[in-house]
Every structure is written in C-alpha cells, then in structure tokens.
C-alpha cells in the first residue's frame, strides 16, 4: 500500500468518517489507521477477505466522492498554506505586533 494513498485516506476519513456507516468506519480505521491486513479484519468480523476488500474499495470511492462534492480536505489544505504564508510574513515584517500574532493564533485554533 503506497504511503500517499494511506495518508490521503486517513485525512479524508478524519473529515468524513461520521458520514460513513459503522462497519465502513471500523473497516477503514482498522485497515488504514491501525494497519490491519484484510485477513485480520475478516477474522475479526467473521467475513471473507473479499468482503472486507470490497467494502474498503467502495468506502474509498465514497470518501473521494464526498471530497469531490464538499472539498473539506482541500479547503483545509489551502487554508493551512495561506495561514503559513501569513504567519511567515507577519513574523518577518511585524514581529512585535501582538494583535496580529493573537489573530493568527485564533485562526490556527479554528482548525484544531
């Protein structure tokens, strides 16, 4: 499993997990976050490896579709980039401005 895909699925899962069924959440969490194999998940739930594989693949498509429609993750990444640039600019040009520093901190806290 490639690391980029794993990271993306974990990120999408963080944003959209509550839109999934309990079984989808459990399978995705075990597979991507806890690094369980298909066989281990299948054994845990008393189903075939193929059933687990099919469920995970369907859920991946569902997560990608949610992201395509809602863009929560990509919007978050853009906000993080803009905030980082703003933080750098302020620290270079206005290092003693406590109001700006406070506002930046407040923006950072919104996404946590």
PDB file of N, CA and C in Angstrom:
ATOM      1  N   UNK A   1       0.866  -1.175   0.000  1.00  0.00           N
ATOM      2  CA  UNK A   1       0.000   0.000   0.000  1.00  0.00           C
ATOM      3  C   UNK A   1       0.907   1.231   0.000  1.00  0.00           C
ATOM      4  N   UNK A   2       0.670   2.123  -0.911  1.00  0.00           N
ATOM      5  CA  UNK A   2       1.526   3.297  -1.003  1.00  0.00           C
ATOM      6  C   UNK A   2       1.190   4.308   0.081  1.00  0.00           C
ATOM      7  N   UNK A   3       2.222   4.969   0.558  1.00  0.00           N
ATOM      8  CA  UNK A   3       2.089   5.879   1.691  1.00  0.00           C
ATOM      9  C   UNK A   3       1.207   7.084   1.375  1.00  0.00           C
ATOM     10  N   UNK A   4       1.284   7.607   0.140  1.00  0.00           N
ATOM     11  CA  UNK A   4       0.467   8.768  -0.229  1.00  0.00           C
ATOM     12  C   UNK A   4      -1.020   8.433  -0.152  1.00  0.00           C
ATOM     13  N   UNK A   5      -1.362   7.243  -0.648  1.00  0.00           N
ATOM     14  CA  UNK A   5      -2.771   6.835  -0.616  1.00  0.00           C
ATOM     15  C   UNK A   5      -3.228   6.651   0.830  1.00  0.00           C
ATOM     16  N   UNK A   6      -2.392   6.032   1.630  1.00  0.00           N
ATOM     17  CA  UNK A   6      -2.725   5.831   3.042  1.00  0.00           C
ATOM     18  C   UNK A   6      -2.938   7.172   3.736  1.00  0.00           C
ATOM     19  N   UNK A   7      -2.028   8.110   3.509  1.00  0.00           N
ATOM     20  CA  UNK A   7      -2.167   9.429   4.131  1.00  0.00           C
ATOM     21  C   UNK A   7      -3.436  10.133   3.671  1.00  0.00           C
ATOM     22  N   UNK A   8      -3.736  10.034   2.370  1.00  0.00           N
ATOM     23  CA  UNK A   8      -4.943  10.683   1.844  1.00  0.00           C
ATOM     24  C   UNK A   8      -6.194  10.044   2.442  1.00  0.00           C
ATOM     25  N   UNK A   9      -6.244   8.726   2.483  1.00  0.00           N
ATOM     26  CA  UNK A   9      -7.420   8.048   3.033  1.00  0.00           C
ATOM     27  C   UNK A   9      -7.603   8.388   4.505  1.00  0.00           C
ATOM     28  N   UNK A  10      -6.509   8.438   5.254  1.00  0.00           N
ATOM     29  CA  UNK A  10      -6.606   8.823   6.668  1.00  0.00           C
ATOM     30  C   UNK A  10      -7.123  10.250   6.818  1.00  0.00           C
ATOM     31  N   UNK A  11      -6.654  11.151   5.954  1.00  0.00           N
ATOM     32  CA  UNK A  11      -7.113  12.543   6.013  1.00  0.00           C
ATOM     33  C   UNK A  11      -8.590  12.643   5.650  1.00  0.00           C
ATOM     34  N   UNK A  12      -8.982  11.988   4.555  1.00  0.00           N
ATOM     35  CA  UNK A  12     -10.391  12.014   4.160  1.00  0.00           C
ATOM     36  C   UNK A  12     -11.260  11.386   5.238  1.00  0.00           C
ATOM     37  N   UNK A  13     -10.769  10.320   5.838  1.00  0.00           N
ATOM     38  CA  UNK A  13     -11.506   9.641   6.908  1.00  0.00           C
ATOM     39  C   UNK A  13     -11.740  10.600   8.081  1.00  0.00           C
ATOM     40  N   UNK A  14     -10.726  11.395   8.425  1.00  0.00           N
ATOM     41  CA  UNK A  14     -10.889  12.355   9.522  1.00  0.00           C
ATOM     42  C   UNK A  14     -12.009  13.352   9.243  1.00  0.00           C
ATOM     43  N   UNK A  15     -12.116  13.769   8.001  1.00  0.00           N
ATOM     44  CA  UNK A  15     -13.131  14.760   7.644  1.00  0.00           C
ATOM     45  C   UNK A  15     -14.528  14.165   7.476  1.00  0.00           C
ATOM     46  N   UNK A  16     -14.612  12.947   6.955  1.00  0.00           N
ATOM     47  CA  UNK A  16     -15.912  12.415   6.543  1.00  0.00           C
ATOM     48  C   UNK A  16     -16.356  11.145   7.276  1.00  0.00           C
ATOM     49  N   UNK A  17     -15.641  10.726   8.285  1.00  0.00           N
ATOM     50  CA  UNK A  17     -15.948   9.466   8.972  1.00  0.00           C
ATOM     51  C   UNK A  17     -17.388   9.399   9.460  1.00  0.00           C
ATOM     52  N   UNK A  18     -17.899  10.503   9.964  1.00  0.00           N
ATOM     53  CA  UNK A  18     -19.253  10.483  10.526  1.00  0.00           C
ATOM     54  C   UNK A  18     -20.326  10.307   9.458  1.00  0.00           C
ATOM     55  N   UNK A  19     -19.959  10.420   8.189  1.00  0.00           N
ATOM     56  CA  UNK A  19     -20.919  10.195   7.105  1.00  0.00           C
ATOM     57  C   UNK A  19     -20.952   8.738   6.663  1.00  0.00           C
ATOM     58  N   UNK A  20     -20.080   7.925   7.219  1.00  0.00           N
ATOM     59  CA  UNK A  20     -19.995   6.509   6.870  1.00  0.00           C
ATOM     60  C   UNK A  20     -20.824   5.670   7.834  1.00  0.00           C
ATOM     61  N   UNK A  21     -21.107   4.441   7.409  1.00  0.00           N
ATOM     62  CA  UNK A  21     -21.767   3.507   8.313  1.00  0.00           C
ATOM     63  C   UNK A  21     -20.752   3.044   9.359  1.00  0.00           C
ATOM     64  N   UNK A  22     -21.243   2.465  10.417  1.00  0.00           N
ATOM     65  CA  UNK A  22     -20.347   1.979  11.472  1.00  0.00           C
ATOM     66  C   UNK A  22     -19.372   0.939  10.935  1.00  0.00           C
ATOM     67  N   UNK A  23     -19.860   0.034  10.101  1.00  0.00           N
ATOM     68  CA  UNK A  23     -18.997  -1.004   9.535  1.00  0.00           C
ATOM     69  C   UNK A  23     -17.927  -0.373   8.638  1.00  0.00           C
ATOM     70  N   UNK A  24     -18.310   0.580   7.817  1.00  0.00           N
ATOM     71  CA  UNK A  24     -17.335   1.257   6.965  1.00  0.00           C
ATOM     72  C   UNK A  24     -16.273   1.956   7.813  1.00  0.00           C
ATOM     73  N   UNK A  25     -16.722   2.634   8.852  1.00  0.00           N
ATOM     74  CA  UNK A  25     -15.766   3.317   9.740  1.00  0.00           C
ATOM     75  C   UNK A  25     -14.796   2.320  10.364  1.00  0.00           C
ATOM     76  N   UNK A  26     -15.342   1.215  10.865  1.00  0.00           N
ATOM     77  CA  UNK A  26     -14.498   0.219  11.528  1.00  0.00           C
ATOM     78  C   UNK A  26     -13.475  -0.376  10.571  1.00  0.00           C
ATOM     79  N   UNK A  27     -13.922  -0.792   9.396  1.00  0.00           N
ATOM     80  CA  UNK A  27     -13.007  -1.389   8.421  1.00  0.00           C
ATOM     81  C   UNK A  27     -11.910  -0.404   8.017  1.00  0.00           C
ATOM     82  N   UNK A  28     -12.297   0.843   7.720  1.00  0.00           N
ATOM     83  CA  UNK A  28     -11.315   1.837   7.283  1.00  0.00           C
ATOM     84  C   UNK A  28     -10.321   2.160   8.391  1.00  0.00           C
ATOM     85  N   UNK A  29     -10.817   2.280   9.604  1.00  0.00           N
ATOM     86  CA  UNK A  29      -9.925   2.580  10.719  1.00  0.00           C
ATOM     87  C   UNK A  29      -8.937   1.436  10.952  1.00  0.00           C
ATOM     88  N   UNK A  30      -9.442   0.216  10.929  1.00  0.00           N
ATOM     89  CA  UNK A  30      -8.546  -0.926  11.120  1.00  0.00           C
ATOM     90  C   UNK A  30      -7.528  -1.034   9.991  1.00  0.00           C
ATOM     91  N   UNK A  31      -7.984  -0.856   8.764  1.00  0.00           N
ATOM     92  CA  UNK A  31      -7.106  -1.052   7.605  1.00  0.00           C
ATOM     93  C   UNK A  31      -6.091   0.073   7.458  1.00  0.00           C
ATOM     94  N   UNK A  32      -6.548   1.311   7.513  1.00  0.00           N
ATOM     95  CA  UNK A  32      -5.649   2.438   7.255  1.00  0.00           C
ATOM     96  C   UNK A  32      -4.962   2.976   8.507  1.00  0.00           C
ATOM     97  N   UNK A  33      -5.689   3.172   9.576  1.00  0.00           N
ATOM     98  CA  UNK A  33      -5.089   3.769  10.769  1.00  0.00           C
ATOM     99  C   UNK A  33      -4.321   2.738  11.600  1.00  0.00           C
ATOM    100  N   UNK A  34      -4.899   1.543  11.739  1.00  0.00           N
ATOM    101  CA  UNK A  34      -4.284   0.532  12.604  1.00  0.00           C
ATOM    102  C   UNK A  34      -3.445  -0.485  11.840  1.00  0.00           C
ATOM    103  N   UNK A  35      -3.416  -0.383  10.503  1.00  0.00           N
ATOM    104  CA  UNK A  35      -2.592  -1.231   9.637  1.00  0.00           C
ATOM    105  C   UNK A  35      -2.907  -2.727   9.758  1.00  0.00           C
ATOM    106  N   UNK A  36      -4.188  -3.044   9.957  1.00  0.00           N
ATOM    107  CA  UNK A  36      -4.603  -4.447   9.952  1.00  0.00           C
ATOM    108  C   UNK A  36      -4.597  -4.947   8.515  1.00  0.00           C
ATOM    109  N   UNK A  37      -4.351  -6.231   8.326  1.00  0.00           N
ATOM    110  CA  UNK A  37      -4.453  -6.825   6.996  1.00  0.00           C
ATOM    111  C   UNK A  37      -5.914  -7.150   6.704  1.00  0.00           C
ATOM    112  N   UNK A  38      -6.208  -7.419   5.438  1.00  0.00           N
ATOM    113  CA  UNK A  38      -7.573  -7.824   5.073  1.00  0.00           C
ATOM    114  C   UNK A  38      -7.970  -9.077   5.833  1.00  0.00           C
ATOM    115  N   UNK A  39      -7.025 -10.020   5.950  1.00  0.00           N
ATOM    116  CA  UNK A  39      -7.291 -11.267   6.658  1.00  0.00           C
ATOM    117  C   UNK A  39      -7.593 -11.056   8.131  1.00  0.00           C
ATOM    118  N   UNK A  40      -6.875 -10.142   8.762  1.00  0.00           N
ATOM    119  CA  UNK A  40      -7.112  -9.867  10.181  1.00  0.00           C
ATOM    120  C   UNK A  40      -8.485  -9.235  10.395  1.00  0.00           C
ATOM    121  N   UNK A  41      -8.863  -8.335   9.510  1.00  0.00           N
ATOM    122  CA  UNK A  41     -10.182  -7.708   9.623  1.00  0.00           C
ATOM    123  C   UNK A  41     -11.271  -8.742   9.368  1.00  0.00           C
ATOM    124  N   UNK A  42     -11.060  -9.567   8.357  1.00  0.00           N
ATOM    125  CA  UNK A  42     -12.033 -10.611   8.031  1.00  0.00           C
ATOM    126  C   UNK A  42     -12.235 -11.553   9.212  1.00  0.00           C
ATOM    127  N   UNK A  43     -11.153 -11.934   9.849  1.00  0.00           N
ATOM    128  CA  UNK A  43     -11.236 -12.819  11.012  1.00  0.00           C
ATOM    129  C   UNK A  43     -11.973 -12.148  12.170  1.00  0.00           C
ATOM    130  N   UNK A  44     -11.673 -10.880  12.379  1.00  0.00           N
ATOM    131  CA  UNK A  44     -12.306 -10.108  13.458  1.00  0.00           C
ATOM    132  C   UNK A  44     -13.824 -10.030  13.290  1.00  0.00           C
ATOM    133  N   UNK A  45     -14.283  -9.900  12.043  1.00  0.00           N
ATOM    134  CA  UNK A  45     -15.712  -9.718  11.781  1.00  0.00           C
ATOM    135  C   UNK A  45     -16.404 -10.973  11.250  1.00  0.00           C
ATOM    136  N   UNK A  46     -15.663 -12.052  11.090  1.00  0.00           N
ATOM    137  CA  UNK A  46     -16.262 -13.303  10.641  1.00  0.00           C
ATOM    138  C   UNK A  46     -16.788 -13.244   9.213  1.00  0.00           C
ATOM    139  N   UNK A  47     -16.053 -12.541   8.344  1.00  0.00           N
ATOM    140  CA  UNK A  47     -16.434 -12.444   6.935  1.00  0.00           C
ATOM    141  C   UNK A  47     -15.223 -12.833   6.080  1.00  0.00           C
ATOM    142  N   UNK A  48     -15.418 -12.896   4.781  1.00  0.00           N
ATOM    143  CA  UNK A  48     -14.313 -13.254   3.888  1.00  0.00           C
ATOM    144  C   UNK A  48     -13.403 -12.049   3.649  1.00  0.00           C
ATOM    145  N   UNK A  49     -12.171 -12.353   3.235  1.00  0.00           N
ATOM    146  CA  UNK A  49     -11.231 -11.295   2.872  1.00  0.00           C
ATOM    147  C   UNK A  49     -11.798 -10.466   1.722  1.00  0.00           C
ATOM    148  N   UNK A  50     -12.466 -11.154   0.794  1.00  0.00           N
ATOM    149  CA  UNK A  50     -13.041 -10.472  -0.361  1.00  0.00           C
ATOM    150  C   UNK A  50     -14.116  -9.477   0.067  1.00  0.00           C
ATOM    151  N   UNK A  51     -14.915  -9.856   1.054  1.00  0.00           N
ATOM    152  CA  UNK A  51     -15.957  -8.950   1.561  1.00  0.00           C
ATOM    153  C   UNK A  51     -15.322  -7.697   2.167  1.00  0.00           C
ATOM    154  N   UNK A  52     -14.245  -7.873   2.905  1.00  0.00           N
ATOM    155  CA  UNK A  52     -13.541  -6.734   3.501  1.00  0.00           C
ATOM    156  C   UNK A  52     -12.948  -5.864   2.399  1.00  0.00           C
ATOM    157  N   UNK A  53     -12.287  -6.497   1.445  1.00  0.00           N
ATOM    158  CA  UNK A  53     -11.678  -5.770   0.332  1.00  0.00           C
ATOM    159  C   UNK A  53     -12.725  -4.948  -0.419  1.00  0.00           C
ATOM    160  N   UNK A  54     -13.838  -5.574  -0.752  1.00  0.00           N
ATOM    161  CA  UNK A  54     -14.912  -4.886  -1.485  1.00  0.00           C
ATOM    162  C   UNK A  54     -15.443  -3.694  -0.688  1.00  0.00           C
ATOM    163  N   UNK A  55     -15.641  -3.893   0.613  1.00  0.00           N
ATOM    164  CA  UNK A  55     -16.148  -2.821   1.456  1.00  0.00           C
ATOM    165  C   UNK A  55     -15.168  -1.656   1.509  1.00  0.00           C
ATOM    166  N   UNK A  56     -13.892  -1.946   1.656  1.00  0.00           N
ATOM    167  CA  UNK A  56     -12.877  -0.899   1.726  1.00  0.00           C
ATOM    168  C   UNK A  56     -12.802  -0.141   0.406  1.00  0.00           C
ATOM    169  N   UNK A  57     -12.815  -0.857  -0.711  1.00  0.00           N
ATOM    170  CA  UNK A  57     -12.757  -0.191  -2.021  1.00  0.00           C
ATOM    171  C   UNK A  57     -13.980   0.700  -2.245  1.00  0.00           C
ATOM    172  N   UNK A  58     -15.150   0.214  -1.888  1.00  0.00           N
ATOM    173  CA  UNK A  58     -16.365   1.037  -2.005  1.00  0.00           C
ATOM    174  C   UNK A  58     -16.273   2.272  -1.125  1.00  0.00           C
ATOM    175  N   UNK A  59     -15.778   2.087   0.082  1.00  0.00           N
ATOM    176  CA  UNK A  59     -15.670   3.193   1.025  1.00  0.00           C
ATOM    177  C   UNK A  59     -14.646   4.217   0.553  1.00  0.00           C
ATOM    178  N   UNK A  60     -13.546   3.773  -0.035  1.00  0.00           N
ATOM    179  CA  UNK A  60     -12.578   4.707  -0.614  1.00  0.00           C
ATOM    180  C   UNK A  60     -13.238   5.581  -1.672  1.00  0.00           C
ATOM    181  N   UNK A  61     -14.030   4.964  -2.524  1.00  0.00           N
ATOM    182  CA  UNK A  61     -14.732   5.729  -3.571  1.00  0.00           C
ATOM    183  C   UNK A  61     -15.725   6.707  -2.958  1.00  0.00           C
ATOM    184  N   UNK A  62     -16.400   6.279  -1.911  1.00  0.00           N
ATOM    185  CA  UNK A  62     -17.359   7.153  -1.221  1.00  0.00           C
ATOM    186  C   UNK A  62     -16.637   8.359  -0.626  1.00  0.00           C
ATOM    187  N   UNK A  63     -15.504   8.126   0.027  1.00  0.00           N
ATOM    188  CA  UNK A  63     -14.741   9.224   0.615  1.00  0.00           C
ATOM    189  C   UNK A  63     -14.263  10.200  -0.459  1.00  0.00           C
ATOM    190  N   UNK A  64     -13.784   9.670  -1.566  1.00  0.00           N
ATOM    191  CA  UNK A  64     -13.337  10.529  -2.669  1.00  0.00           C
ATOM    192  C   UNK A  64     -14.505  11.331  -3.246  1.00  0.00           C
ATOM    193  N   UNK A  65     -15.665  10.717  -3.311  1.00  0.00           N
ATOM    194  CA  UNK A  65     -16.847  11.413  -3.821  1.00  0.00           C
ATOM    195  C   UNK A  65     -17.277  12.525  -2.857  1.00  0.00           C
ATOM    196  N   UNK A  66     -17.241  12.254  -1.556  1.00  0.00           N
ATOM    197  CA  UNK A  66     -17.543  13.298  -0.582  1.00  0.00           C
ATOM    198  C   UNK A  66     -16.584  14.476  -0.756  1.00  0.00           C
ATOM    199  N   UNK A  67     -15.305  14.171  -0.922  1.00  0.00           N
ATOM    200  CA  UNK A  67     -14.313  15.227  -1.092  1.00  0.00           C
ATOM    201  C   UNK A  67     -14.560  15.997  -2.389  1.00  0.00           C
ATOM    202  N   UNK A  68     -14.907  15.302  -3.449  1.00  0.00           N
ATOM    203  CA  UNK A  68     -15.187  15.967  -4.722  1.00  0.00           C
ATOM    204  C   UNK A  68     -16.351  16.937  -4.580  1.00  0.00           C
ATOM    205  N   UNK A  69     -17.359  16.555  -3.813  1.00  0.00           N
ATOM    206  CA  UNK A  69     -18.550  17.384  -3.662  1.00  0.00           C
ATOM    207  C   UNK A  69     -18.404  18.470  -2.595  1.00  0.00           C
ATOM    208  N   UNK A  70     -17.731  18.156  -1.508  1.00  0.00           N
ATOM    209  CA  UNK A  70     -17.677  19.069  -0.367  1.00  0.00           C
ATOM    210  C   UNK A  70     -16.348  19.824  -0.217  1.00  0.00           C
ATOM    211  N   UNK A  71     -15.270  19.244  -0.694  1.00  0.00           N
ATOM    212  CA  UNK A  71     -13.932  19.870  -0.682  1.00  0.00           C
ATOM    213  C   UNK A  71     -13.439  20.283   0.700  1.00  0.00           C
ATOM    214  N   UNK A  72     -13.857  19.609   1.739  1.00  0.00           N
ATOM    215  CA  UNK A  72     -13.424  19.994   3.084  1.00  0.00           C
ATOM    216  C   UNK A  72     -11.920  19.841   3.274  1.00  0.00           C
ATOM    217  N   UNK A  73     -11.367  18.734   2.795  1.00  0.00           N
ATOM    218  CA  UNK A  73      -9.945  18.482   2.963  1.00  0.00           C
ATOM    219  C   UNK A  73      -9.113  19.441   2.120  1.00  0.00           C
ATOM    220  N   UNK A  74      -9.457  19.617   0.855  1.00  0.00           N
ATOM    221  CA  UNK A  74      -8.671  20.516   0.004  1.00  0.00           C
ATOM    222  C   UNK A  74      -8.779  21.955   0.486  1.00  0.00           C
ATOM    223  N   UNK A  75      -9.953  22.367   0.955  1.00  0.00           N
ATOM    224  CA  UNK A  75     -10.102  23.717   1.514  1.00  0.00           C
ATOM    225  C   UNK A  75      -9.233  23.881   2.760  1.00  0.00           C
ATOM    226  N   UNK A  76      -9.185  22.863   3.583  1.00  0.00           N
ATOM    227  CA  UNK A  76      -8.351  22.873   4.784  1.00  0.00           C
ATOM    228  C   UNK A  76      -6.877  23.048   4.399  1.00  0.00           C
ATOM    229  N   UNK A  77      -6.433  22.308   3.381  1.00  0.00           N
ATOM    230  CA  UNK A  77      -5.036  22.384   2.951  1.00  0.00           C
ATOM    231  C   UNK A  77      -4.710  23.792   2.421  1.00  0.00           C
ATOM    232  N   UNK A  78      -5.620  24.391   1.673  1.00  0.00           N
ATOM    233  CA  UNK A  78      -5.416  25.751   1.167  1.00  0.00           C
ATOM    234  C   UNK A  78      -5.337  26.726   2.340  1.00  0.00           C
ATOM    235  N   UNK A  79      -6.258  26.585   3.301  1.00  0.00           N
ATOM    236  CA  UNK A  79      -6.236  27.468   4.471  1.00  0.00           C
ATOM    237  C   UNK A  79      -4.915  27.347   5.223  1.00  0.00           C
ATOM    238  N   UNK A  80      -4.434  26.122   5.378  1.00  0.00           N
ATOM    239  CA  UNK A  80      -3.174  25.904   6.091  1.00  0.00           C
ATOM    240  C   UNK A  80      -2.024  26.594   5.363  1.00  0.00           C
ATOM    241  N   UNK A  81      -2.007  26.504   4.040  1.00  0.00           N
ATOM    242  CA  UNK A  81      -0.953  27.125   3.241  1.00  0.00           C
ATOM    243  C   UNK A  81      -1.000  28.651   3.377  1.00  0.00           C
ATOM    244  N   UNK A  82      -2.184  29.215   3.259  1.00  0.00           N
ATOM    245  CA  UNK A  82      -2.338  30.669   3.384  1.00  0.00           C
ATOM    246  C   UNK A  82      -1.949  31.125   4.784  1.00  0.00           C
ATOM    247  N   UNK A  83      -2.365  30.388   5.776  1.00  0.00           N
ATOM    248  CA  UNK A  83      -2.043  30.735   7.154  1.00  0.00           C
ATOM    249  C   UNK A  83      -0.536  30.677   7.403  1.00  0.00           C
ATOM    250  N   UNK A  84       0.115  29.692   6.836  1.00  0.00           N
ATOM    251  CA  UNK A  84       1.564  29.570   6.988  1.00  0.00           C
ATOM    252  C   UNK A  84       2.284  30.752   6.335  1.00  0.00           C
ATOM    253  N   UNK A  85       1.844  31.144   5.150  1.00  0.00           N
ATOM    254  CA  UNK A  85       2.440  32.307   4.482  1.00  0.00           C
ATOM    255  C   UNK A  85       2.203  33.579   5.295  1.00  0.00           C
ATOM    256  N   UNK A  86       0.994  33.722   5.815  1.00  0.00           N
ATOM    257  CA  UNK A  86       0.660  34.892   6.631  1.00  0.00           C
ATOM    258  C   UNK A  86       1.521  34.936   7.888  1.00  0.00           C
ATOM    259  N   UNK A  87       1.659  33.799   8.501  1.00  0.00           N
ATOM    260  CA  UNK A  87       2.472  33.709   9.722  1.00  0.00           C
ATOM    261  C   UNK A  87       3.927  34.108   9.434  1.00  0.00           C
ATOM    262  N   UNK A  88       4.468  33.629   8.328  1.00  0.00           N
ATOM    263  CA  UNK A  88       5.834  33.970   7.944  1.00  0.00           C
ATOM    264  C   UNK A  88       5.965  35.465   7.675  1.00  0.00           C
ATOM    265  N   UNK A  89       5.014  35.995   6.942  1.00  0.00           N
ATOM    266  CA  UNK A  89       5.036  37.432   6.611  1.00  0.00           C
ATOM    267  C   UNK A  89       4.978  38.284   7.875  1.00  0.00           C
ATOM    268  N   UNK A  90       4.070  37.960   8.754  1.00  0.00           N
ATOM    269  CA  UNK A  90       3.919  38.736   9.981  1.00  0.00           C
ATOM    270  C   UNK A  90       5.176  38.636  10.843  1.00  0.00           C
ATOM    271  N   UNK A  91       5.735  37.425  10.961  1.00  0.00           N
ATOM    272  CA  UNK A  91       6.931  37.281  11.804  1.00  0.00           C
ATOM    273  C   UNK A  91       8.124  38.041  11.227  1.00  0.00           C
ATOM    274  N   UNK A  92       8.175  38.188   9.892  1.00  0.00           N
ATOM    275  CA  UNK A  92       9.281  38.922   9.267  1.00  0.00           C
ATOM    276  C   UNK A  92       9.068  40.434   9.306  1.00  0.00           C
ATOM    277  N   UNK A  93       7.833  40.877   9.113  1.00  0.00           N
ATOM    278  CA  UNK A  93       7.578  42.307   8.967  1.00  0.00           C
ATOM    279  C   UNK A  93       6.960  42.972  10.201  1.00  0.00           C
ATOM    280  N   UNK A  94       6.283  42.192  11.010  1.00  0.00           N
ATOM    281  CA  UNK A  94       5.619  42.755  12.196  1.00  0.00           C
ATOM    282  C   UNK A  94       5.841  41.847  13.419  1.00  0.00           C
ATOM    283  N   UNK A  95       7.095  41.581  13.740  1.00  0.00           N
ATOM    284  CA  UNK A  95       7.365  40.600  14.797  1.00  0.00           C
ATOM    285  C   UNK A  95       6.867  41.003  16.189  1.00  0.00           C
ATOM    286  N   UNK A  96       6.653  42.288  16.416  1.00  0.00           N
ATOM    287  CA  UNK A  96       6.245  42.736  17.748  1.00  0.00           C
ATOM    288  C   UNK A  96       4.759  43.070  17.833  1.00  0.00           C
ATOM    289  N   UNK A  97       4.038  42.822  16.775  1.00  0.00           N
ATOM    290  CA  UNK A  97       2.599  43.140  16.766  1.00  0.00           C
ATOM    291  C   UNK A  97       1.828  42.001  17.437  1.00  0.00           C
ATOM    292  N   UNK A  98       1.472  42.211  18.688  1.00  0.00           N
ATOM    293  CA  UNK A  98       0.785  41.170  19.460  1.00  0.00           C
ATOM    294  C   UNK A  98      -0.642  40.922  18.969  1.00  0.00           C
ATOM    295  N   UNK A  99      -1.275  41.927  18.420  1.00  0.00           N
ATOM    296  CA  UNK A  99      -2.636  41.761  17.903  1.00  0.00           C
ATOM    297  C   UNK A  99      -2.648  40.822  16.700  1.00  0.00           C
ATOM    298  N   UNK A 100      -1.700  41.029  15.786  1.00  0.00           N
ATOM    299  CA  UNK A 100      -1.604  40.130  14.633  1.00  0.00           C
ATOM    300  C   UNK A 100      -1.265  38.711  15.078  1.00  0.00           C
ATOM    301  N   UNK A 101      -0.343  38.576  15.991  1.00  0.00           N
ATOM    302  CA  UNK A 101       0.037  37.261  16.498  1.00  0.00           C
ATOM    303  C   UNK A 101      -1.161  36.568  17.144  1.00  0.00           C
ATOM    304  N   UNK A 102      -1.940  37.341  17.872  1.00  0.00           N
ATOM    305  CA  UNK A 102      -3.135  36.797  18.519  1.00  0.00           C
ATOM    306  C   UNK A 102      -4.173  36.353  17.485  1.00  0.00           C
ATOM    307  N   UNK A 103      -4.357  37.153  16.447  1.00  0.00           N
ATOM    308  CA  UNK A 103      -5.309  36.805  15.391  1.00  0.00           C
ATOM    309  C   UNK A 103      -4.873  35.542  14.644  1.00  0.00           C
ATOM    310  N   UNK A 104      -3.591  35.430  14.379  1.00  0.00           N
ATOM    311  CA  UNK A 104      -3.075  34.232  13.703  1.00  0.00           C
ATOM    312  C   UNK A 104      -3.291  33.010  14.576  1.00  0.00           C
ATOM    313  N   UNK A 105      -3.026  33.135  15.850  1.00  0.00           N
ATOM    314  CA  UNK A 105      -3.233  32.022  16.784  1.00  0.00           C
ATOM    315  C   UNK A 105      -4.700  31.610  16.794  1.00  0.00           C
ATOM    316  N   UNK A 106      -5.591  32.585  16.777  1.00  0.00           N
ATOM    317  CA  UNK A 106      -7.023  32.302  16.765  1.00  0.00           C
ATOM    318  C   UNK A 106      -7.420  31.540  15.494  1.00  0.00           C
ATOM    319  N   UNK A 107      -6.867  31.933  14.361  1.00  0.00           N
ATOM    320  CA  UNK A 107      -7.128  31.224  13.106  1.00  0.00           C
ATOM    321  C   UNK A 107      -6.604  29.790  13.154  1.00  0.00           C
ATOM    322  N   UNK A 108      -5.427  29.613  13.708  1.00  0.00           N
ATOM    323  CA  UNK A 108      -4.855  28.270  13.833  1.00  0.00           C
ATOM    324  C   UNK A 108      -5.730  27.382  14.700  1.00  0.00           C
ATOM    325  N   UNK A 109      -6.244  27.934  15.765  1.00  0.00           N
ATOM    326  CA  UNK A 109      -7.063  27.165  16.699  1.00  0.00           C
ATOM    327  C   UNK A 109      -8.406  26.726  16.091  1.00  0.00           C
ATOM    328  N   UNK A 110      -8.880  27.440  15.087  1.00  0.00           N
ATOM    329  CA  UNK A 110     -10.144  27.079  14.457  1.00  0.00           C
ATOM    330  C   UNK A 110     -10.108  25.701  13.809  1.00  0.00           C
ATOM    331  N   UNK A 111      -8.974  25.324  13.247  1.00  0.00           N
ATOM    332  CA  UNK A 111      -8.860  24.052  12.538  1.00  0.00           C
ATOM    333  C   UNK A 111      -8.397  22.901  13.426  1.00  0.00           C
ATOM    334  N   UNK A 112      -8.189  23.163  14.684  1.00  0.00           N
ATOM    335  CA  UNK A 112      -7.735  22.076  15.564  1.00  0.00           C
ATOM    336  C   UNK A 112      -8.872  21.431  16.283  1.00  0.00           C
TER     337      UNK A 112
END
